[in-house]
Amino acid sequence: DYTWRADFVKGRFAISRDNAKNAVY
């Protein structure tokens, strides 16, 4: 429900999670 990004990311990076694969990206 909450995502935080460092200022230097500037919207260039995104995090995602796949619980079925037990992995994050």
PDBML (XML) file of the C-alpha atoms, coordinates in Angstrom:
<?xml version="1.0" encoding="UTF-8" ?>
<PDBx:datablock datablockName="MODEL"
   xmlns:PDBx="http://pdbml.pdb.org/schema/pdbx-v50.xsd"
   xmlns:xsi="http://www.w3.org/2001/XMLSchema-instance"
   xsi:schemaLocation="http://pdbml.pdb.org/schema/pdbx-v50.xsd pdbx-v50.xsd">
   <PDBx:atom_siteCategory>
      <PDBx:atom_site id="1">
         <PDBx:B_iso_or_equiv>0.00</PDBx:B_iso_or_equiv>
         <PDBx:Cartn_x>0.000</PDBx:Cartn_x>
         <PDBx:Cartn_y>0.000</PDBx:Cartn_y>
         <PDBx:Cartn_z>0.000</PDBx:Cartn_z>
         <PDBx:auth_asym_id>A</PDBx:auth_asym_id>
         <PDBx:auth_atom_id>CA</PDBx:auth_atom_id>
         <PDBx:auth_comp_id>ASP</PDBx:auth_comp_id>
         <PDBx:auth_seq_id>1</PDBx:auth_seq_id>
         <PDBx:group_PDB>ATOM</PDBx:group_PDB>
         <PDBx:label_alt_id xsi:nil="true" />
         <PDBx:label_asym_id>A</PDBx:label_asym_id>
         <PDBx:label_atom_id>CA</PDBx:label_atom_id>
         <PDBx:label_comp_id>ASP</PDBx:label_comp_id>
         <PDBx:label_entity_id>1</PDBx:label_entity_id>
         <PDBx:label_seq_id>1</PDBx:label_seq_id>
         <PDBx:occupancy>1.00</PDBx:occupancy>
         <PDBx:pdbx_PDB_model_num>1</PDBx:pdbx_PDB_model_num>
         <PDBx:type_symbol>C</PDBx:type_symbol>
      </PDBx:atom_site>
      <PDBx:atom_site id="2">
         <PDBx:B_iso_or_equiv>0.00</PDBx:B_iso_or_equiv>
         <PDBx:Cartn_x>2.989</PDBx:Cartn_x>
         <PDBx:Cartn_y>2.299</PDBx:Cartn_y>
         <PDBx:Cartn_z>0.384</PDBx:Cartn_z>
         <PDBx:auth_asym_id>A</PDBx:auth_asym_id>
         <PDBx:auth_atom_id>CA</PDBx:auth_atom_id>
         <PDBx:auth_comp_id>TYR</PDBx:auth_comp_id>
         <PDBx:auth_seq_id>2</PDBx:auth_seq_id>
         <PDBx:group_PDB>ATOM</PDBx:group_PDB>
         <PDBx:label_alt_id xsi:nil="true" />
         <PDBx:label_asym_id>A</PDBx:label_asym_id>
         <PDBx:label_atom_id>CA</PDBx:label_atom_id>
         <PDBx:label_comp_id>TYR</PDBx:label_comp_id>
         <PDBx:label_entity_id>1</PDBx:label_entity_id>
         <PDBx:label_seq_id>2</PDBx:label_seq_id>
         <PDBx:occupancy>1.00</PDBx:occupancy>
         <PDBx:pdbx_PDB_model_num>1</PDBx:pdbx_PDB_model_num>
         <PDBx:type_symbol>C</PDBx:type_symbol>
      </PDBx:atom_site>
      <PDBx:atom_site id="3">
         <PDBx:B_iso_or_equiv>0.00</PDBx:B_iso_or_equiv>
         <PDBx:Cartn_x>6.042</PDBx:Cartn_x>
         <PDBx:Cartn_y>2.869</PDBx:Cartn_y>
         <PDBx:Cartn_z>-1.782</PDBx:Cartn_z>
         <PDBx:auth_asym_id>A</PDBx:auth_asym_id>
         <PDBx:auth_atom_id>CA</PDBx:auth_atom_id>
         <PDBx:auth_comp_id>THR</PDBx:auth_comp_id>
         <PDBx:auth_seq_id>3</PDBx:auth_seq_id>
         <PDBx:group_PDB>ATOM</PDBx:group_PDB>
         <PDBx:label_alt_id xsi:nil="true" />
         <PDBx:label_asym_id>A</PDBx:label_asym_id>
         <PDBx:label_atom_id>CA</PDBx:label_atom_id>
         <PDBx:label_comp_id>THR</PDBx:label_comp_id>
         <PDBx:label_entity_id>1</PDBx:label_entity_id>
         <PDBx:label_seq_id>3</PDBx:label_seq_id>
         <PDBx:occupancy>1.00</PDBx:occupancy>
         <PDBx:pdbx_PDB_model_num>1</PDBx:pdbx_PDB_model_num>
         <PDBx:type_symbol>C</PDBx:type_symbol>
      </PDBx:atom_site>
      <PDBx:atom_site id="4">
         <PDBx:B_iso_or_equiv>0.00</PDBx:B_iso_or_equiv>
         <PDBx:Cartn_x>8.867</PDBx:Cartn_x>
         <PDBx:Cartn_y>5.314</PDBx:Cartn_y>
         <PDBx:Cartn_z>-1.137</PDBx:Cartn_z>
         <PDBx:auth_asym_id>A</PDBx:auth_asym_id>
         <PDBx:auth_atom_id>CA</PDBx:auth_atom_id>
         <PDBx:auth_comp_id>TRP</PDBx:auth_comp_id>
         <PDBx:auth_seq_id>4</PDBx:auth_seq_id>
         <PDBx:group_PDB>ATOM</PDBx:group_PDB>
         <PDBx:label_alt_id xsi:nil="true" />
         <PDBx:label_asym_id>A</PDBx:label_asym_id>
         <PDBx:label_atom_id>CA</PDBx:label_atom_id>
         <PDBx:label_comp_id>TRP</PDBx:label_comp_id>
         <PDBx:label_entity_id>1</PDBx:label_entity_id>
         <PDBx:label_seq_id>4</PDBx:label_seq_id>
         <PDBx:occupancy>1.00</PDBx:occupancy>
         <PDBx:pdbx_PDB_model_num>1</PDBx:pdbx_PDB_model_num>
         <PDBx:type_symbol>C</PDBx:type_symbol>
      </PDBx:atom_site>
      <PDBx:atom_site id="5">
         <PDBx:B_iso_or_equiv>0.00</PDBx:B_iso_or_equiv>
         <PDBx:Cartn_x>11.458</PDBx:Cartn_x>
         <PDBx:Cartn_y>6.453</PDBx:Cartn_y>
         <PDBx:Cartn_z>-3.670</PDBx:Cartn_z>
         <PDBx:auth_asym_id>A</PDBx:auth_asym_id>
         <PDBx:auth_atom_id>CA</PDBx:auth_atom_id>
         <PDBx:auth_comp_id>ARG</PDBx:auth_comp_id>
         <PDBx:auth_seq_id>5</PDBx:auth_seq_id>
         <PDBx:group_PDB>ATOM</PDBx:group_PDB>
         <PDBx:label_alt_id xsi:nil="true" />
         <PDBx:label_asym_id>A</PDBx:label_asym_id>
         <PDBx:label_atom_id>CA</PDBx:label_atom_id>
         <PDBx:label_comp_id>ARG</PDBx:label_comp_id>
         <PDBx:label_entity_id>1</PDBx:label_entity_id>
         <PDBx:label_seq_id>5</PDBx:label_seq_id>
         <PDBx:occupancy>1.00</PDBx:occupancy>
         <PDBx:pdbx_PDB_model_num>1</PDBx:pdbx_PDB_model_num>
         <PDBx:type_symbol>C</PDBx:type_symbol>
      </PDBx:atom_site>
      <PDBx:atom_site id="6">
         <PDBx:B_iso_or_equiv>0.00</PDBx:B_iso_or_equiv>
         <PDBx:Cartn_x>14.679</PDBx:Cartn_x>
         <PDBx:Cartn_y>8.374</PDBx:Cartn_y>
         <PDBx:Cartn_z>-3.118</PDBx:Cartn_z>
         <PDBx:auth_asym_id>A</PDBx:auth_asym_id>
         <PDBx:auth_atom_id>CA</PDBx:auth_atom_id>
         <PDBx:auth_comp_id>ALA</PDBx:auth_comp_id>
         <PDBx:auth_seq_id>6</PDBx:auth_seq_id>
         <PDBx:group_PDB>ATOM</PDBx:group_PDB>
         <PDBx:label_alt_id xsi:nil="true" />
         <PDBx:label_asym_id>A</PDBx:label_asym_id>
         <PDBx:label_atom_id>CA</PDBx:label_atom_id>
         <PDBx:label_comp_id>ALA</PDBx:label_comp_id>
         <PDBx:label_entity_id>1</PDBx:label_entity_id>
         <PDBx:label_seq_id>6</PDBx:label_seq_id>
         <PDBx:occupancy>1.00</PDBx:occupancy>
         <PDBx:pdbx_PDB_model_num>1</PDBx:pdbx_PDB_model_num>
         <PDBx:type_symbol>C</PDBx:type_symbol>
      </PDBx:atom_site>
      <PDBx:atom_site id="7">
         <PDBx:B_iso_or_equiv>0.00</PDBx:B_iso_or_equiv>
         <PDBx:Cartn_x>14.752</PDBx:Cartn_x>
         <PDBx:Cartn_y>11.822</PDBx:Cartn_y>
         <PDBx:Cartn_z>-4.701</PDBx:Cartn_z>
         <PDBx:auth_asym_id>A</PDBx:auth_asym_id>
         <PDBx:auth_atom_id>CA</PDBx:auth_atom_id>
         <PDBx:auth_comp_id>ASP</PDBx:auth_comp_id>
         <PDBx:auth_seq_id>7</PDBx:auth_seq_id>
         <PDBx:group_PDB>ATOM</PDBx:group_PDB>
         <PDBx:label_alt_id xsi:nil="true" />
         <PDBx:label_asym_id>A</PDBx:label_asym_id>
         <PDBx:label_atom_id>CA</PDBx:label_atom_id>
         <PDBx:label_comp_id>ASP</PDBx:label_comp_id>
         <PDBx:label_entity_id>1</PDBx:label_entity_id>
         <PDBx:label_seq_id>7</PDBx:label_seq_id>
         <PDBx:occupancy>1.00</PDBx:occupancy>
         <PDBx:pdbx_PDB_model_num>1</PDBx:pdbx_PDB_model_num>
         <PDBx:type_symbol>C</PDBx:type_symbol>
      </PDBx:atom_site>
      <PDBx:atom_site id="8">
         <PDBx:B_iso_or_equiv>0.00</PDBx:B_iso_or_equiv>
         <PDBx:Cartn_x>17.428</PDBx:Cartn_x>
         <PDBx:Cartn_y>10.781</PDBx:Cartn_y>
         <PDBx:Cartn_z>-7.183</PDBx:Cartn_z>
         <PDBx:auth_asym_id>A</PDBx:auth_asym_id>
         <PDBx:auth_atom_id>CA</PDBx:auth_atom_id>
         <PDBx:auth_comp_id>PHE</PDBx:auth_comp_id>
         <PDBx:auth_seq_id>8</PDBx:auth_seq_id>
         <PDBx:group_PDB>ATOM</PDBx:group_PDB>
         <PDBx:label_alt_id xsi:nil="true" />
         <PDBx:label_asym_id>A</PDBx:label_asym_id>
         <PDBx:label_atom_id>CA</PDBx:label_atom_id>
         <PDBx:label_comp_id>PHE</PDBx:label_comp_id>
         <PDBx:label_entity_id>1</PDBx:label_entity_id>
         <PDBx:label_seq_id>8</PDBx:label_seq_id>
         <PDBx:occupancy>1.00</PDBx:occupancy>
         <PDBx:pdbx_PDB_model_num>1</PDBx:pdbx_PDB_model_num>
         <PDBx:type_symbol>C</PDBx:type_symbol>
      </PDBx:atom_site>
      <PDBx:atom_site id="9">
         <PDBx:B_iso_or_equiv>0.00</PDBx:B_iso_or_equiv>
         <PDBx:Cartn_x>15.118</PDBx:Cartn_x>
         <PDBx:Cartn_y>8.120</PDBx:Cartn_y>
         <PDBx:Cartn_z>-8.627</PDBx:Cartn_z>
         <PDBx:auth_asym_id>A</PDBx:auth_asym_id>
         <PDBx:auth_atom_id>CA</PDBx:auth_atom_id>
         <PDBx:auth_comp_id>VAL</PDBx:auth_comp_id>
         <PDBx:auth_seq_id>9</PDBx:auth_seq_id>
         <PDBx:group_PDB>ATOM</PDBx:group_PDB>
         <PDBx:label_alt_id xsi:nil="true" />
         <PDBx:label_asym_id>A</PDBx:label_asym_id>
         <PDBx:label_atom_id>CA</PDBx:label_atom_id>
         <PDBx:label_comp_id>VAL</PDBx:label_comp_id>
         <PDBx:label_entity_id>1</PDBx:label_entity_id>
         <PDBx:label_seq_id>9</PDBx:label_seq_id>
         <PDBx:occupancy>1.00</PDBx:occupancy>
         <PDBx:pdbx_PDB_model_num>1</PDBx:pdbx_PDB_model_num>
         <PDBx:type_symbol>C</PDBx:type_symbol>
      </PDBx:atom_site>
      <PDBx:atom_site id="10">
         <PDBx:B_iso_or_equiv>0.00</PDBx:B_iso_or_equiv>
         <PDBx:Cartn_x>13.014</PDBx:Cartn_x>
         <PDBx:Cartn_y>10.887</PDBx:Cartn_y>
         <PDBx:Cartn_z>-10.233</PDBx:Cartn_z>
         <PDBx:auth_asym_id>A</PDBx:auth_asym_id>
         <PDBx:auth_atom_id>CA</PDBx:auth_atom_id>
         <PDBx:auth_comp_id>LYS</PDBx:auth_comp_id>
         <PDBx:auth_seq_id>10</PDBx:auth_seq_id>
         <PDBx:group_PDB>ATOM</PDBx:group_PDB>
         <PDBx:label_alt_id xsi:nil="true" />
         <PDBx:label_asym_id>A</PDBx:label_asym_id>
         <PDBx:label_atom_id>CA</PDBx:label_atom_id>
         <PDBx:label_comp_id>LYS</PDBx:label_comp_id>
         <PDBx:label_entity_id>1</PDBx:label_entity_id>
         <PDBx:label_seq_id>10</PDBx:label_seq_id>
         <PDBx:occupancy>1.00</PDBx:occupancy>
         <PDBx:pdbx_PDB_model_num>1</PDBx:pdbx_PDB_model_num>
         <PDBx:type_symbol>C</PDBx:type_symbol>
      </PDBx:atom_site>
      <PDBx:atom_site id="11">
         <PDBx:B_iso_or_equiv>0.00</PDBx:B_iso_or_equiv>
         <PDBx:Cartn_x>10.370</PDBx:Cartn_x>
         <PDBx:Cartn_y>8.408</PDBx:Cartn_y>
         <PDBx:Cartn_z>-11.316</PDBx:Cartn_z>
         <PDBx:auth_asym_id>A</PDBx:auth_asym_id>
         <PDBx:auth_atom_id>CA</PDBx:auth_atom_id>
         <PDBx:auth_comp_id>GLY</PDBx:auth_comp_id>
         <PDBx:auth_seq_id>11</PDBx:auth_seq_id>
         <PDBx:group_PDB>ATOM</PDBx:group_PDB>
         <PDBx:label_alt_id xsi:nil="true" />
         <PDBx:label_asym_id>A</PDBx:label_asym_id>
         <PDBx:label_atom_id>CA</PDBx:label_atom_id>
         <PDBx:label_comp_id>GLY</PDBx:label_comp_id>
         <PDBx:label_entity_id>1</PDBx:label_entity_id>
         <PDBx:label_seq_id>11</PDBx:label_seq_id>
         <PDBx:occupancy>1.00</PDBx:occupancy>
         <PDBx:pdbx_PDB_model_num>1</PDBx:pdbx_PDB_model_num>
         <PDBx:type_symbol>C</PDBx:type_symbol>
      </PDBx:atom_site>
      <PDBx:atom_site id="12">
         <PDBx:B_iso_or_equiv>0.00</PDBx:B_iso_or_equiv>
         <PDBx:Cartn_x>12.867</PDBx:Cartn_x>
         <PDBx:Cartn_y>6.315</PDBx:Cartn_y>
         <PDBx:Cartn_z>-13.279</PDBx:Cartn_z>
         <PDBx:auth_asym_id>A</PDBx:auth_asym_id>
         <PDBx:auth_atom_id>CA</PDBx:auth_atom_id>
         <PDBx:auth_comp_id>ARG</PDBx:auth_comp_id>
         <PDBx:auth_seq_id>12</PDBx:auth_seq_id>
         <PDBx:group_PDB>ATOM</PDBx:group_PDB>
         <PDBx:label_alt_id xsi:nil="true" />
         <PDBx:label_asym_id>A</PDBx:label_asym_id>
         <PDBx:label_atom_id>CA</PDBx:label_atom_id>
         <PDBx:label_comp_id>ARG</PDBx:label_comp_id>
         <PDBx:label_entity_id>1</PDBx:label_entity_id>
         <PDBx:label_seq_id>12</PDBx:label_seq_id>
         <PDBx:occupancy>1.00</PDBx:occupancy>
         <PDBx:pdbx_PDB_model_num>1</PDBx:pdbx_PDB_model_num>
         <PDBx:type_symbol>C</PDBx:type_symbol>
      </PDBx:atom_site>
      <PDBx:atom_site id="13">
         <PDBx:B_iso_or_equiv>0.00</PDBx:B_iso_or_equiv>
         <PDBx:Cartn_x>12.703</PDBx:Cartn_x>
         <PDBx:Cartn_y>3.222</PDBx:Cartn_y>
         <PDBx:Cartn_z>-11.061</PDBx:Cartn_z>
         <PDBx:auth_asym_id>A</PDBx:auth_asym_id>
         <PDBx:auth_atom_id>CA</PDBx:auth_atom_id>
         <PDBx:auth_comp_id>PHE</PDBx:auth_comp_id>
         <PDBx:auth_seq_id>13</PDBx:auth_seq_id>
         <PDBx:group_PDB>ATOM</PDBx:group_PDB>
         <PDBx:label_alt_id xsi:nil="true" />
         <PDBx:label_asym_id>A</PDBx:label_asym_id>
         <PDBx:label_atom_id>CA</PDBx:label_atom_id>
         <PDBx:label_comp_id>PHE</PDBx:label_comp_id>
         <PDBx:label_entity_id>1</PDBx:label_entity_id>
         <PDBx:label_seq_id>13</PDBx:label_seq_id>
         <PDBx:occupancy>1.00</PDBx:occupancy>
         <PDBx:pdbx_PDB_model_num>1</PDBx:pdbx_PDB_model_num>
         <PDBx:type_symbol>C</PDBx:type_symbol>
      </PDBx:atom_site>
      <PDBx:atom_site id="14">
         <PDBx:B_iso_or_equiv>0.00</PDBx:B_iso_or_equiv>
         <PDBx:Cartn_x>9.797</PDBx:Cartn_x>
         <PDBx:Cartn_y>1.064</PDBx:Cartn_y>
         <PDBx:Cartn_z>-9.958</PDBx:Cartn_z>
         <PDBx:auth_asym_id>A</PDBx:auth_asym_id>
         <PDBx:auth_atom_id>CA</PDBx:auth_atom_id>
         <PDBx:auth_comp_id>ALA</PDBx:auth_comp_id>
         <PDBx:auth_seq_id>14</PDBx:auth_seq_id>
         <PDBx:group_PDB>ATOM</PDBx:group_PDB>
         <PDBx:label_alt_id xsi:nil="true" />
         <PDBx:label_asym_id>A</PDBx:label_asym_id>
         <PDBx:label_atom_id>CA</PDBx:label_atom_id>
         <PDBx:label_comp_id>ALA</PDBx:label_comp_id>
         <PDBx:label_entity_id>1</PDBx:label_entity_id>
         <PDBx:label_seq_id>14</PDBx:label_seq_id>
         <PDBx:occupancy>1.00</PDBx:occupancy>
         <PDBx:pdbx_PDB_model_num>1</PDBx:pdbx_PDB_model_num>
         <PDBx:type_symbol>C</PDBx:type_symbol>
      </PDBx:atom_site>
      <PDBx:atom_site id="15">
         <PDBx:B_iso_or_equiv>0.00</PDBx:B_iso_or_equiv>
         <PDBx:Cartn_x>9.477</PDBx:Cartn_x>
         <PDBx:Cartn_y>-1.787</PDBx:Cartn_y>
         <PDBx:Cartn_z>-7.509</PDBx:Cartn_z>
         <PDBx:auth_asym_id>A</PDBx:auth_asym_id>
         <PDBx:auth_atom_id>CA</PDBx:auth_atom_id>
         <PDBx:auth_comp_id>ILE</PDBx:auth_comp_id>
         <PDBx:auth_seq_id>15</PDBx:auth_seq_id>
         <PDBx:group_PDB>ATOM</PDBx:group_PDB>
         <PDBx:label_alt_id xsi:nil="true" />
         <PDBx:label_asym_id>A</PDBx:label_asym_id>
         <PDBx:label_atom_id>CA</PDBx:label_atom_id>
         <PDBx:label_comp_id>ILE</PDBx:label_comp_id>
         <PDBx:label_entity_id>1</PDBx:label_entity_id>
         <PDBx:label_seq_id>15</PDBx:label_seq_id>
         <PDBx:occupancy>1.00</PDBx:occupancy>
         <PDBx:pdbx_PDB_model_num>1</PDBx:pdbx_PDB_model_num>
         <PDBx:type_symbol>C</PDBx:type_symbol>
      </PDBx:atom_site>
      <PDBx:atom_site id="16">
         <PDBx:B_iso_or_equiv>0.00</PDBx:B_iso_or_equiv>
         <PDBx:Cartn_x>7.132</PDBx:Cartn_x>
         <PDBx:Cartn_y>-4.716</PDBx:Cartn_y>
         <PDBx:Cartn_z>-7.917</PDBx:Cartn_z>
         <PDBx:auth_asym_id>A</PDBx:auth_asym_id>
         <PDBx:auth_atom_id>CA</PDBx:auth_atom_id>
         <PDBx:auth_comp_id>SER</PDBx:auth_comp_id>
         <PDBx:auth_seq_id>16</PDBx:auth_seq_id>
         <PDBx:group_PDB>ATOM</PDBx:group_PDB>
         <PDBx:label_alt_id xsi:nil="true" />
         <PDBx:label_asym_id>A</PDBx:label_asym_id>
         <PDBx:label_atom_id>CA</PDBx:label_atom_id>
         <PDBx:label_comp_id>SER</PDBx:label_comp_id>
         <PDBx:label_entity_id>1</PDBx:label_entity_id>
         <PDBx:label_seq_id>16</PDBx:label_seq_id>
         <PDBx:occupancy>1.00</PDBx:occupancy>
         <PDBx:pdbx_PDB_model_num>1</PDBx:pdbx_PDB_model_num>
         <PDBx:type_symbol>C</PDBx:type_symbol>
      </PDBx:atom_site>
      <PDBx:atom_site id="17">
         <PDBx:B_iso_or_equiv>0.00</PDBx:B_iso_or_equiv>
         <PDBx:Cartn_x>6.412</PDBx:Cartn_x>
         <PDBx:Cartn_y>-7.960</PDBx:Cartn_y>
         <PDBx:Cartn_z>-6.153</PDBx:Cartn_z>
         <PDBx:auth_asym_id>A</PDBx:auth_asym_id>
         <PDBx:auth_atom_id>CA</PDBx:auth_atom_id>
         <PDBx:auth_comp_id>ARG</PDBx:auth_comp_id>
         <PDBx:auth_seq_id>17</PDBx:auth_seq_id>
         <PDBx:group_PDB>ATOM</PDBx:group_PDB>
         <PDBx:label_alt_id xsi:nil="true" />
         <PDBx:label_asym_id>A</PDBx:label_asym_id>
         <PDBx:label_atom_id>CA</PDBx:label_atom_id>
         <PDBx:label_comp_id>ARG</PDBx:label_comp_id>
         <PDBx:label_entity_id>1</PDBx:label_entity_id>
         <PDBx:label_seq_id>17</PDBx:label_seq_id>
         <PDBx:occupancy>1.00</PDBx:occupancy>
         <PDBx:pdbx_PDB_model_num>1</PDBx:pdbx_PDB_model_num>
         <PDBx:type_symbol>C</PDBx:type_symbol>
      </PDBx:atom_site>
      <PDBx:atom_site id="18">
         <PDBx:B_iso_or_equiv>0.00</PDBx:B_iso_or_equiv>
         <PDBx:Cartn_x>5.289</PDBx:Cartn_x>
         <PDBx:Cartn_y>-11.362</PDBx:Cartn_y>
         <PDBx:Cartn_z>-7.429</PDBx:Cartn_z>
         <PDBx:auth_asym_id>A</PDBx:auth_asym_id>
         <PDBx:auth_atom_id>CA</PDBx:auth_atom_id>
         <PDBx:auth_comp_id>ASP</PDBx:auth_comp_id>
         <PDBx:auth_seq_id>18</PDBx:auth_seq_id>
         <PDBx:group_PDB>ATOM</PDBx:group_PDB>
         <PDBx:label_alt_id xsi:nil="true" />
         <PDBx:label_asym_id>A</PDBx:label_asym_id>
         <PDBx:label_atom_id>CA</PDBx:label_atom_id>
         <PDBx:label_comp_id>ASP</PDBx:label_comp_id>
         <PDBx:label_entity_id>1</PDBx:label_entity_id>
         <PDBx:label_seq_id>18</PDBx:label_seq_id>
         <PDBx:occupancy>1.00</PDBx:occupancy>
         <PDBx:pdbx_PDB_model_num>1</PDBx:pdbx_PDB_model_num>
         <PDBx:type_symbol>C</PDBx:type_symbol>
      </PDBx:atom_site>
      <PDBx:atom_site id="19">
         <PDBx:B_iso_or_equiv>0.00</PDBx:B_iso_or_equiv>
         <PDBx:Cartn_x>4.137</PDBx:Cartn_x>
         <PDBx:Cartn_y>-13.387</PDBx:Cartn_y>
         <PDBx:Cartn_z>-4.454</PDBx:Cartn_z>
         <PDBx:auth_asym_id>A</PDBx:auth_asym_id>
         <PDBx:auth_atom_id>CA</PDBx:auth_atom_id>
         <PDBx:auth_comp_id>ASN</PDBx:auth_comp_id>
         <PDBx:auth_seq_id>19</PDBx:auth_seq_id>
         <PDBx:group_PDB>ATOM</PDBx:group_PDB>
         <PDBx:label_alt_id xsi:nil="true" />
         <PDBx:label_asym_id>A</PDBx:label_asym_id>
         <PDBx:label_atom_id>CA</PDBx:label_atom_id>
         <PDBx:label_comp_id>ASN</PDBx:label_comp_id>
         <PDBx:label_entity_id>1</PDBx:label_entity_id>
         <PDBx:label_seq_id>19</PDBx:label_seq_id>
         <PDBx:occupancy>1.00</PDBx:occupancy>
         <PDBx:pdbx_PDB_model_num>1</PDBx:pdbx_PDB_model_num>
         <PDBx:type_symbol>C</PDBx:type_symbol>
      </PDBx:atom_site>
      <PDBx:atom_site id="20">
         <PDBx:B_iso_or_equiv>0.00</PDBx:B_iso_or_equiv>
         <PDBx:Cartn_x>3.499</PDBx:Cartn_x>
         <PDBx:Cartn_y>-16.455</PDBx:Cartn_y>
         <PDBx:Cartn_z>-6.591</PDBx:Cartn_z>
         <PDBx:auth_asym_id>A</PDBx:auth_asym_id>
         <PDBx:auth_atom_id>CA</PDBx:auth_atom_id>
         <PDBx:auth_comp_id>ALA</PDBx:auth_comp_id>
         <PDBx:auth_seq_id>20</PDBx:auth_seq_id>
         <PDBx:group_PDB>ATOM</PDBx:group_PDB>
         <PDBx:label_alt_id xsi:nil="true" />
         <PDBx:label_asym_id>A</PDBx:label_asym_id>
         <PDBx:label_atom_id>CA</PDBx:label_atom_id>
         <PDBx:label_comp_id>ALA</PDBx:label_comp_id>
         <PDBx:label_entity_id>1</PDBx:label_entity_id>
         <PDBx:label_seq_id>20</PDBx:label_seq_id>
         <PDBx:occupancy>1.00</PDBx:occupancy>
         <PDBx:pdbx_PDB_model_num>1</PDBx:pdbx_PDB_model_num>
         <PDBx:type_symbol>C</PDBx:type_symbol>
      </PDBx:atom_site>
      <PDBx:atom_site id="21">
         <PDBx:B_iso_or_equiv>0.00</PDBx:B_iso_or_equiv>
         <PDBx:Cartn_x>7.175</PDBx:Cartn_x>
         <PDBx:Cartn_y>-16.517</PDBx:Cartn_y>
         <PDBx:Cartn_z>-7.528</PDBx:Cartn_z>
         <PDBx:auth_asym_id>A</PDBx:auth_asym_id>
         <PDBx:auth_atom_id>CA</PDBx:auth_atom_id>
         <PDBx:auth_comp_id>LYS</PDBx:auth_comp_id>
         <PDBx:auth_seq_id>21</PDBx:auth_seq_id>
         <PDBx:group_PDB>ATOM</PDBx:group_PDB>
         <PDBx:label_alt_id xsi:nil="true" />
         <PDBx:label_asym_id>A</PDBx:label_asym_id>
         <PDBx:label_atom_id>CA</PDBx:label_atom_id>
         <PDBx:label_comp_id>LYS</PDBx:label_comp_id>
         <PDBx:label_entity_id>1</PDBx:label_entity_id>
         <PDBx:label_seq_id>21</PDBx:label_seq_id>
         <PDBx:occupancy>1.00</PDBx:occupancy>
         <PDBx:pdbx_PDB_model_num>1</PDBx:pdbx_PDB_model_num>
         <PDBx:type_symbol>C</PDBx:type_symbol>
      </PDBx:atom_site>
      <PDBx:atom_site id="22">
         <PDBx:B_iso_or_equiv>0.00</PDBx:B_iso_or_equiv>
         <PDBx:Cartn_x>8.291</PDBx:Cartn_x>
         <PDBx:Cartn_y>-15.266</PDBx:Cartn_y>
         <PDBx:Cartn_z>-4.115</PDBx:Cartn_z>
         <PDBx:auth_asym_id>A</PDBx:auth_asym_id>
         <PDBx:auth_atom_id>CA</PDBx:auth_atom_id>
         <PDBx:auth_comp_id>ASN</PDBx:auth_comp_id>
         <PDBx:auth_seq_id>22</PDBx:auth_seq_id>
         <PDBx:group_PDB>ATOM</PDBx:group_PDB>
         <PDBx:label_alt_id xsi:nil="true" />
         <PDBx:label_asym_id>A</PDBx:label_asym_id>
         <PDBx:label_atom_id>CA</PDBx:label_atom_id>
         <PDBx:label_comp_id>ASN</PDBx:label_comp_id>
         <PDBx:label_entity_id>1</PDBx:label_entity_id>
         <PDBx:label_seq_id>22</PDBx:label_seq_id>
         <PDBx:occupancy>1.00</PDBx:occupancy>
         <PDBx:pdbx_PDB_model_num>1</PDBx:pdbx_PDB_model_num>
         <PDBx:type_symbol>C</PDBx:type_symbol>
      </PDBx:atom_site>
      <PDBx:atom_site id="23">
         <PDBx:B_iso_or_equiv>0.00</PDBx:B_iso_or_equiv>
         <PDBx:Cartn_x>10.284</PDBx:Cartn_x>
         <PDBx:Cartn_y>-12.533</PDBx:Cartn_y>
         <PDBx:Cartn_z>-5.799</PDBx:Cartn_z>
         <PDBx:auth_asym_id>A</PDBx:auth_asym_id>
         <PDBx:auth_atom_id>CA</PDBx:auth_atom_id>
         <PDBx:auth_comp_id>ALA</PDBx:auth_comp_id>
         <PDBx:auth_seq_id>23</PDBx:auth_seq_id>
         <PDBx:group_PDB>ATOM</PDBx:group_PDB>
         <PDBx:label_alt_id xsi:nil="true" />
         <PDBx:label_asym_id>A</PDBx:label_asym_id>
         <PDBx:label_atom_id>CA</PDBx:label_atom_id>
         <PDBx:label_comp_id>ALA</PDBx:label_comp_id>
         <PDBx:label_entity_id>1</PDBx:label_entity_id>
         <PDBx:label_seq_id>23</PDBx:label_seq_id>
         <PDBx:occupancy>1.00</PDBx:occupancy>
         <PDBx:pdbx_PDB_model_num>1</PDBx:pdbx_PDB_model_num>
         <PDBx:type_symbol>C</PDBx:type_symbol>
      </PDBx:atom_site>
      <PDBx:atom_site id="24">
         <PDBx:B_iso_or_equiv>0.00</PDBx:B_iso_or_equiv>
         <PDBx:Cartn_x>10.576</PDBx:Cartn_x>
         <PDBx:Cartn_y>-8.782</PDBx:Cartn_y>
         <PDBx:Cartn_z>-6.034</PDBx:Cartn_z>
         <PDBx:auth_asym_id>A</PDBx:auth_asym_id>
         <PDBx:auth_atom_id>CA</PDBx:auth_atom_id>
         <PDBx:auth_comp_id>VAL</PDBx:auth_comp_id>
         <PDBx:auth_seq_id>24</PDBx:auth_seq_id>
         <PDBx:group_PDB>ATOM</PDBx:group_PDB>
         <PDBx:label_alt_id xsi:nil="true" />
         <PDBx:label_asym_id>A</PDBx:label_asym_id>
         <PDBx:label_atom_id>CA</PDBx:label_atom_id>
         <PDBx:label_comp_id>VAL</PDBx:label_comp_id>
         <PDBx:label_entity_id>1</PDBx:label_entity_id>
         <PDBx:label_seq_id>24</PDBx:label_seq_id>
         <PDBx:occupancy>1.00</PDBx:occupancy>
         <PDBx:pdbx_PDB_model_num>1</PDBx:pdbx_PDB_model_num>
         <PDBx:type_symbol>C</PDBx:type_symbol>
      </PDBx:atom_site>
      <PDBx:atom_site id="25">
         <PDBx:B_iso_or_equiv>0.00</PDBx:B_iso_or_equiv>
         <PDBx:Cartn_x>11.852</PDBx:Cartn_x>
         <PDBx:Cartn_y>-6.691</PDBx:Cartn_y>
         <PDBx:Cartn_z>-8.892</PDBx:Cartn_z>
         <PDBx:auth_asym_id>A</PDBx:auth_asym_id>
         <PDBx:auth_atom_id>CA</PDBx:auth_atom_id>
         <PDBx:auth_comp_id>TYR</PDBx:auth_comp_id>
         <PDBx:auth_seq_id>25</PDBx:auth_seq_id>
         <PDBx:group_PDB>ATOM</PDBx:group_PDB>
         <PDBx:label_alt_id xsi:nil="true" />
         <PDBx:label_asym_id>A</PDBx:label_asym_id>
         <PDBx:label_atom_id>CA</PDBx:label_atom_id>
         <PDBx:label_comp_id>TYR</PDBx:label_comp_id>
         <PDBx:label_entity_id>1</PDBx:label_entity_id>
         <PDBx:label_seq_id>25</PDBx:label_seq_id>
         <PDBx:occupancy>1.00</PDBx:occupancy>
         <PDBx:pdbx_PDB_model_num>1</PDBx:pdbx_PDB_model_num>
         <PDBx:type_symbol>C</PDBx:type_symbol>
      </PDBx:atom_site>
   </PDBx:atom_siteCategory>
</PDBx:datablock>
